Amino acid sequence: MTEEGLQAIILLAEGDMRKCLNVLQSAHMAYDEVNKTNVYLCTGEPIPEDIRSIFTSLLNEPIAKAYRFIYKLTQEKGMALIDVLTPLVALLAGVDLSAPTPKLPLRGTLRP
């Protein structure tokens, strides 16, 4: 078992020792090595790197491009919308959004 695998189990178990043992046992039975990727694959939870890439895409890409990226990723990895939204909200809760943001020009988009 790798250190990252152990940390993933602890994070996913949310303080529940029974869940921790069940995830450990499931990952051990399903894969030769209990590492971070295998723990997330075993539980069906999205890998944190995927959630961060979705978050980055939403912040930095035009909405149509971000939507295509998210759609493709969720289809390839078999993730449901709720599987993405729950950790995405948790990630967003930890982000400092108090910094001023540049205002986008709205010329031609609104009528007086």
N, C-alpha and C. Protein backbone atom coordinates (compact mmCIF):
# COMPACT_ATOMS: atom_id res chain seq x y z
N MET A 1 0.85 -1.17 0.00
CA MET A 1 0.00 0.00 0.00
C MET A 1 0.90 1.24 0.00
N THR A 2 0.53 2.20 -0.85
CA THR A 2 1.29 3.44 -0.90
C THR A 2 0.73 4.45 0.10
N GLU A 3 1.54 5.45 0.42
CA GLU A 3 1.10 6.51 1.33
C GLU A 3 -0.09 7.27 0.73
N GLU A 4 -0.03 7.54 -0.59
CA GLU A 4 -1.15 8.22 -1.25
C GLU A 4 -2.43 7.39 -1.19
N GLY A 5 -2.28 6.08 -1.32
CA GLY A 5 -3.43 5.18 -1.22
C GLY A 5 -4.06 5.24 0.15
N LEU A 6 -3.23 5.24 1.18
CA LEU A 6 -3.73 5.33 2.55
C LEU A 6 -4.44 6.66 2.77
N GLN A 7 -3.86 7.75 2.28
CA GLN A 7 -4.48 9.07 2.44
C GLN A 7 -5.82 9.14 1.71
N ALA A 8 -5.90 8.52 0.54
CA ALA A 8 -7.15 8.49 -0.22
C ALA A 8 -8.23 7.72 0.55
N ILE A 9 -7.84 6.62 1.15
CA ILE A 9 -8.80 5.83 1.94
C ILE A 9 -9.31 6.65 3.13
N ILE A 10 -8.40 7.32 3.81
CA ILE A 10 -8.79 8.14 4.97
C ILE A 10 -9.73 9.26 4.54
N LEU A 11 -9.42 9.91 3.44
CA LEU A 11 -10.26 11.00 2.95
C LEU A 11 -11.65 10.50 2.56
N LEU A 12 -11.70 9.40 1.85
CA LEU A 12 -12.99 8.87 1.39
C LEU A 12 -13.83 8.29 2.52
N ALA A 13 -13.18 7.79 3.56
CA ALA A 13 -13.91 7.18 4.67
C ALA A 13 -14.59 8.22 5.55
N GLU A 14 -14.15 9.45 5.49
CA GLU A 14 -14.75 10.55 6.25
C GLU A 14 -14.88 10.23 7.74
N GLY A 15 -13.84 9.61 8.32
CA GLY A 15 -13.84 9.34 9.75
C GLY A 15 -14.54 8.06 10.16
N ASP A 16 -15.08 7.32 9.22
CA ASP A 16 -15.79 6.08 9.53
C ASP A 16 -14.81 4.90 9.36
N MET A 17 -14.42 4.29 10.48
CA MET A 17 -13.44 3.21 10.45
C MET A 17 -13.95 1.99 9.67
N ARG A 18 -15.24 1.70 9.77
CA ARG A 18 -15.80 0.57 9.00
C ARG A 18 -15.66 0.80 7.51
N LYS A 19 -15.96 2.03 7.09
CA LYS A 19 -15.83 2.36 5.66
C LYS A 19 -14.36 2.30 5.23
N CYS A 20 -13.49 2.75 6.11
CA CYS A 20 -12.06 2.71 5.83
C CYS A 20 -11.60 1.26 5.57
N LEU A 21 -12.00 0.37 6.45
CA LEU A 21 -11.63 -1.04 6.30
C LEU A 21 -12.26 -1.67 5.06
N ASN A 22 -13.51 -1.32 4.78
CA ASN A 22 -14.19 -1.86 3.60
C ASN A 22 -13.50 -1.40 2.31
N VAL A 23 -13.14 -0.12 2.25
CA VAL A 23 -12.46 0.40 1.06
C VAL A 23 -11.09 -0.25 0.91
N LEU A 24 -10.37 -0.38 2.01
CA LEU A 24 -9.06 -1.04 1.98
C LEU A 24 -9.18 -2.47 1.48
N GLN A 25 -10.14 -3.21 2.03
CA GLN A 25 -10.34 -4.60 1.62
C GLN A 25 -10.74 -4.69 0.14
N SER A 26 -11.64 -3.83 -0.29
CA SER A 26 -12.09 -3.85 -1.68
C SER A 26 -10.96 -3.53 -2.64
N ALA A 27 -10.19 -2.52 -2.31
CA ALA A 27 -9.07 -2.13 -3.19
C ALA A 27 -8.01 -3.22 -3.24
N HIS A 28 -7.76 -3.85 -2.09
CA HIS A 28 -6.77 -4.92 -2.03
C HIS A 28 -7.21 -6.14 -2.85
N MET A 29 -8.50 -6.45 -2.79
CA MET A 29 -9.00 -7.60 -3.54
C MET A 29 -9.07 -7.33 -5.04
N ALA A 30 -9.32 -6.08 -5.41
CA ALA A 30 -9.49 -5.75 -6.83
C ALA A 30 -8.18 -5.49 -7.56
N TYR A 31 -7.17 -5.03 -6.85
CA TYR A 31 -5.92 -4.61 -7.49
C TYR A 31 -4.72 -5.19 -6.75
N ASP A 32 -3.62 -5.33 -7.48
CA ASP A 32 -2.40 -5.84 -6.87
C ASP A 32 -1.80 -4.84 -5.89
N GLU A 33 -1.98 -3.55 -6.17
CA GLU A 33 -1.43 -2.51 -5.31
C GLU A 33 -2.54 -1.56 -4.88
N VAL A 34 -2.53 -1.20 -3.61
CA VAL A 34 -3.50 -0.24 -3.09
C VAL A 34 -2.83 1.14 -3.17
N ASN A 35 -3.10 1.84 -4.28
CA ASN A 35 -2.58 3.19 -4.44
C ASN A 35 -3.76 4.14 -4.65
N LYS A 36 -3.45 5.41 -4.76
CA LYS A 36 -4.49 6.44 -4.85
C LYS A 36 -5.45 6.18 -6.00
N THR A 37 -4.92 5.94 -7.17
CA THR A 37 -5.75 5.72 -8.36
C THR A 37 -6.65 4.50 -8.18
N ASN A 38 -6.09 3.42 -7.68
CA ASN A 38 -6.88 2.20 -7.51
C ASN A 38 -7.97 2.35 -6.45
N VAL A 39 -7.68 3.12 -5.40
CA VAL A 39 -8.69 3.37 -4.36
C VAL A 39 -9.86 4.14 -4.96
N TYR A 40 -9.56 5.18 -5.73
CA TYR A 40 -10.65 5.96 -6.34
C TYR A 40 -11.41 5.15 -7.38
N LEU A 41 -10.70 4.33 -8.15
CA LEU A 41 -11.38 3.48 -9.13
C LEU A 41 -12.27 2.46 -8.44
N CYS A 42 -11.81 1.92 -7.34
CA CYS A 42 -12.56 0.91 -6.61
C CYS A 42 -13.85 1.47 -6.01
N THR A 43 -13.79 2.71 -5.55
CA THR A 43 -14.96 3.32 -4.92
C THR A 43 -15.89 4.01 -5.90
N GLY A 44 -15.40 4.28 -7.11
CA GLY A 44 -16.22 4.97 -8.09
C GLY A 44 -16.23 6.48 -7.91
N GLU A 45 -15.42 6.98 -6.99
CA GLU A 45 -15.33 8.42 -6.77
C GLU A 45 -14.39 9.02 -7.81
N PRO A 46 -14.65 10.27 -8.23
CA PRO A 46 -13.74 10.90 -9.18
C PRO A 46 -12.40 11.23 -8.54
N ILE A 47 -11.35 11.08 -9.30
CA ILE A 47 -10.00 11.37 -8.83
C ILE A 47 -9.88 12.89 -8.63
N PRO A 48 -9.28 13.34 -7.53
CA PRO A 48 -9.18 14.77 -7.25
C PRO A 48 -8.55 15.58 -8.40
N GLU A 49 -7.62 14.99 -9.11
CA GLU A 49 -7.00 15.70 -10.24
C GLU A 49 -8.03 16.01 -11.33
N ASP A 50 -8.99 15.09 -11.52
CA ASP A 50 -10.06 15.33 -12.50
C ASP A 50 -10.96 16.49 -12.05
N ILE A 51 -11.26 16.54 -10.76
CA ILE A 51 -12.09 17.62 -10.24
C ILE A 51 -11.36 18.95 -10.37
N ARG A 52 -10.06 18.96 -10.08
CA ARG A 52 -9.28 20.20 -10.22
C ARG A 52 -9.21 20.64 -11.68
N SER A 53 -9.09 19.70 -12.61
CA SER A 53 -9.04 20.07 -14.02
C SER A 53 -10.39 20.61 -14.49
N ILE A 54 -11.48 20.08 -13.97
CA ILE A 54 -12.81 20.61 -14.29
C ILE A 54 -12.95 22.03 -13.74
N PHE A 55 -12.52 22.22 -12.50
CA PHE A 55 -12.58 23.54 -11.86
C PHE A 55 -11.75 24.55 -12.65
N THR A 56 -10.56 24.17 -13.04
CA THR A 56 -9.69 25.05 -13.82
C THR A 56 -10.32 25.38 -15.16
N SER A 57 -10.91 24.40 -15.79
CA SER A 57 -11.57 24.62 -17.07
C SER A 57 -12.73 25.60 -16.93
N LEU A 58 -13.52 25.44 -15.87
CA LEU A 58 -14.65 26.34 -15.66
C LEU A 58 -14.20 27.78 -15.43
N LEU A 59 -13.08 27.95 -14.77
CA LEU A 59 -12.58 29.29 -14.48
C LEU A 59 -11.88 29.95 -15.67
N ASN A 60 -11.23 29.15 -16.50
CA ASN A 60 -10.33 29.72 -17.51
C ASN A 60 -10.76 29.58 -18.96
N GLU A 61 -11.73 28.75 -19.22
CA GLU A 61 -12.14 28.51 -20.60
C GLU A 61 -13.51 29.14 -20.87
N PRO A 62 -13.79 29.43 -22.12
CA PRO A 62 -15.16 29.84 -22.46
C PRO A 62 -16.12 28.71 -22.08
N ILE A 63 -17.32 29.08 -21.72
CA ILE A 63 -18.27 28.11 -21.18
C ILE A 63 -18.53 26.94 -22.13
N ALA A 64 -18.58 27.20 -23.43
CA ALA A 64 -18.82 26.11 -24.39
C ALA A 64 -17.67 25.11 -24.39
N LYS A 65 -16.44 25.63 -24.33
CA LYS A 65 -15.27 24.75 -24.32
C LYS A 65 -15.19 23.98 -23.00
N ALA A 66 -15.49 24.64 -21.89
CA ALA A 66 -15.48 23.97 -20.59
C ALA A 66 -16.55 22.88 -20.56
N TYR A 67 -17.72 23.17 -21.11
CA TYR A 67 -18.79 22.17 -21.16
C TYR A 67 -18.36 20.95 -21.95
N ARG A 68 -17.75 21.15 -23.12
CA ARG A 68 -17.29 20.02 -23.94
C ARG A 68 -16.24 19.20 -23.20
N PHE A 69 -15.33 19.89 -22.50
CA PHE A 69 -14.29 19.19 -21.73
C PHE A 69 -14.92 18.34 -20.63
N ILE A 70 -15.85 18.92 -19.88
CA ILE A 70 -16.49 18.20 -18.78
C ILE A 70 -17.31 17.03 -19.32
N TYR A 71 -18.03 17.27 -20.39
CA TYR A 71 -18.84 16.20 -20.98
C TYR A 71 -17.96 15.03 -21.41
N LYS A 72 -16.87 15.34 -22.11
CA LYS A 72 -15.96 14.29 -22.59
C LYS A 72 -15.35 13.52 -21.42
N LEU A 73 -14.89 14.24 -20.40
CA LEU A 73 -14.27 13.60 -19.24
C LEU A 73 -15.26 12.70 -18.50
N THR A 74 -16.47 13.19 -18.28
CA THR A 74 -17.46 12.39 -17.56
C THR A 74 -17.88 11.16 -18.36
N GLN A 75 -17.94 11.29 -19.67
CA GLN A 75 -18.30 10.14 -20.51
C GLN A 75 -17.18 9.10 -20.50
N GLU A 76 -15.92 9.56 -20.61
CA GLU A 76 -14.79 8.63 -20.63
C GLU A 76 -14.63 7.89 -19.31
N LYS A 77 -14.91 8.58 -18.21
CA LYS A 77 -14.67 7.99 -16.89
C LYS A 77 -15.93 7.50 -16.22
N GLY A 78 -17.07 7.63 -16.88
CA GLY A 78 -18.32 7.12 -16.33
C GLY A 78 -18.78 7.83 -15.07
N MET A 79 -18.58 9.13 -15.00
CA MET A 79 -18.97 9.89 -13.82
C MET A 79 -20.35 10.49 -14.01
N ALA A 80 -21.16 10.45 -12.97
CA ALA A 80 -22.46 11.10 -12.98
C ALA A 80 -22.27 12.55 -12.53
N LEU A 81 -23.24 13.39 -12.85
CA LEU A 81 -23.16 14.80 -12.50
C LEU A 81 -22.97 15.00 -11.00
N ILE A 82 -23.69 14.25 -10.18
CA ILE A 82 -23.56 14.39 -8.73
C ILE A 82 -22.17 13.99 -8.25
N ASP A 83 -21.54 13.03 -8.95
CA ASP A 83 -20.18 12.63 -8.60
C ASP A 83 -19.18 13.76 -8.83
N VAL A 84 -19.50 14.64 -9.75
CA VAL A 84 -18.63 15.78 -10.05
C VAL A 84 -18.98 16.97 -9.16
N LEU A 85 -20.27 17.23 -8.99
CA LEU A 85 -20.68 18.43 -8.26
C LEU A 85 -20.31 18.41 -6.78
N THR A 86 -20.45 17.29 -6.13
CA THR A 86 -20.18 17.23 -4.69
C THR A 86 -18.74 17.62 -4.37
N PRO A 87 -17.73 17.00 -4.98
CA PRO A 87 -16.35 17.43 -4.67
C PRO A 87 -16.02 18.81 -5.26
N LEU A 88 -16.71 19.20 -6.34
CA LEU A 88 -16.48 20.51 -6.92
C LEU A 88 -16.94 21.61 -5.96
N VAL A 89 -18.07 21.40 -5.31
CA VAL A 89 -18.56 22.36 -4.32
C VAL A 89 -17.60 22.43 -3.14
N ALA A 90 -17.09 21.28 -2.70
CA ALA A 90 -16.12 21.26 -1.60
C ALA A 90 -14.85 22.01 -1.98
N LEU A 91 -14.40 21.84 -3.21
CA LEU A 91 -13.22 22.56 -3.68
C LEU A 91 -13.49 24.05 -3.74
N LEU A 92 -14.64 24.43 -4.24
CA LEU A 92 -15.01 25.84 -4.34
C LEU A 92 -15.11 26.49 -2.97
N ALA A 93 -15.57 25.74 -1.98
CA ALA A 93 -15.70 26.28 -0.61
C ALA A 93 -14.35 26.70 -0.03
N GLY A 94 -13.28 26.08 -0.50
CA GLY A 94 -11.95 26.40 0.00
C GLY A 94 -11.22 27.46 -0.79
N VAL A 95 -11.85 28.03 -1.80
CA VAL A 95 -11.21 29.02 -2.65
C VAL A 95 -11.56 30.42 -2.18
N ASP A 96 -10.56 31.30 -2.11
CA ASP A 96 -10.78 32.68 -1.72
C ASP A 96 -11.24 33.46 -2.95
N LEU A 97 -12.50 33.83 -2.96
CA LEU A 97 -13.06 34.58 -4.09
C LEU A 97 -13.24 36.06 -3.76
N SER A 98 -12.58 36.52 -2.70
CA SER A 98 -12.73 37.91 -2.29
C SER A 98 -11.87 38.86 -3.12
N ALA A 99 -10.90 38.35 -3.86
CA ALA A 99 -10.04 39.20 -4.67
C ALA A 99 -10.86 39.83 -5.79
N PRO A 100 -10.57 41.09 -6.12
CA PRO A 100 -11.32 41.73 -7.21
C PRO A 100 -11.06 41.02 -8.53
N THR A 101 -12.08 40.93 -9.33
CA THR A 101 -11.95 40.29 -10.64
C THR A 101 -12.16 41.34 -11.72
N PRO A 102 -11.51 41.16 -12.85
CA PRO A 102 -11.70 42.15 -13.93
C PRO A 102 -13.12 42.09 -14.46
N LYS A 103 -13.62 43.23 -14.81
CA LYS A 103 -14.97 43.29 -15.38
C LYS A 103 -14.88 43.06 -16.88
N LEU A 104 -15.78 42.27 -17.39
CA LEU A 104 -15.81 41.97 -18.81
C LEU A 104 -16.66 43.01 -19.53
N PRO A 105 -16.22 43.45 -20.68
CA PRO A 105 -17.03 44.41 -21.43
C PRO A 105 -18.31 43.74 -21.94
N LEU A 106 -19.39 44.43 -21.82
CA LEU A 106 -20.68 43.89 -22.25
C LEU A 106 -21.23 44.64 -23.46
N ARG A 107 -20.37 45.33 -24.16
CA ARG A 107 -20.84 46.10 -25.32
C ARG A 107 -21.56 45.20 -26.32
N GLY A 108 -22.69 45.65 -26.73
CA GLY A 108 -23.43 44.92 -27.74
C GLY A 108 -24.25 43.75 -27.21
N THR A 109 -24.15 43.48 -25.91
CA THR A 109 -24.89 42.34 -25.38
C THR A 109 -26.17 42.76 -24.66
N LEU A 110 -26.23 43.99 -24.22
CA LEU A 110 -27.41 44.46 -23.52
C LEU A 110 -28.01 45.64 -24.29
N ARG A 111 -29.31 45.71 -24.31
CA ARG A 111 -29.99 46.83 -24.96
C ARG A 111 -30.48 47.79 -23.89
N PRO A 112 -30.37 49.11 -24.14
CA PRO A 112 -30.82 50.07 -23.13
C PRO A 112 -32.32 50.06 -22.98
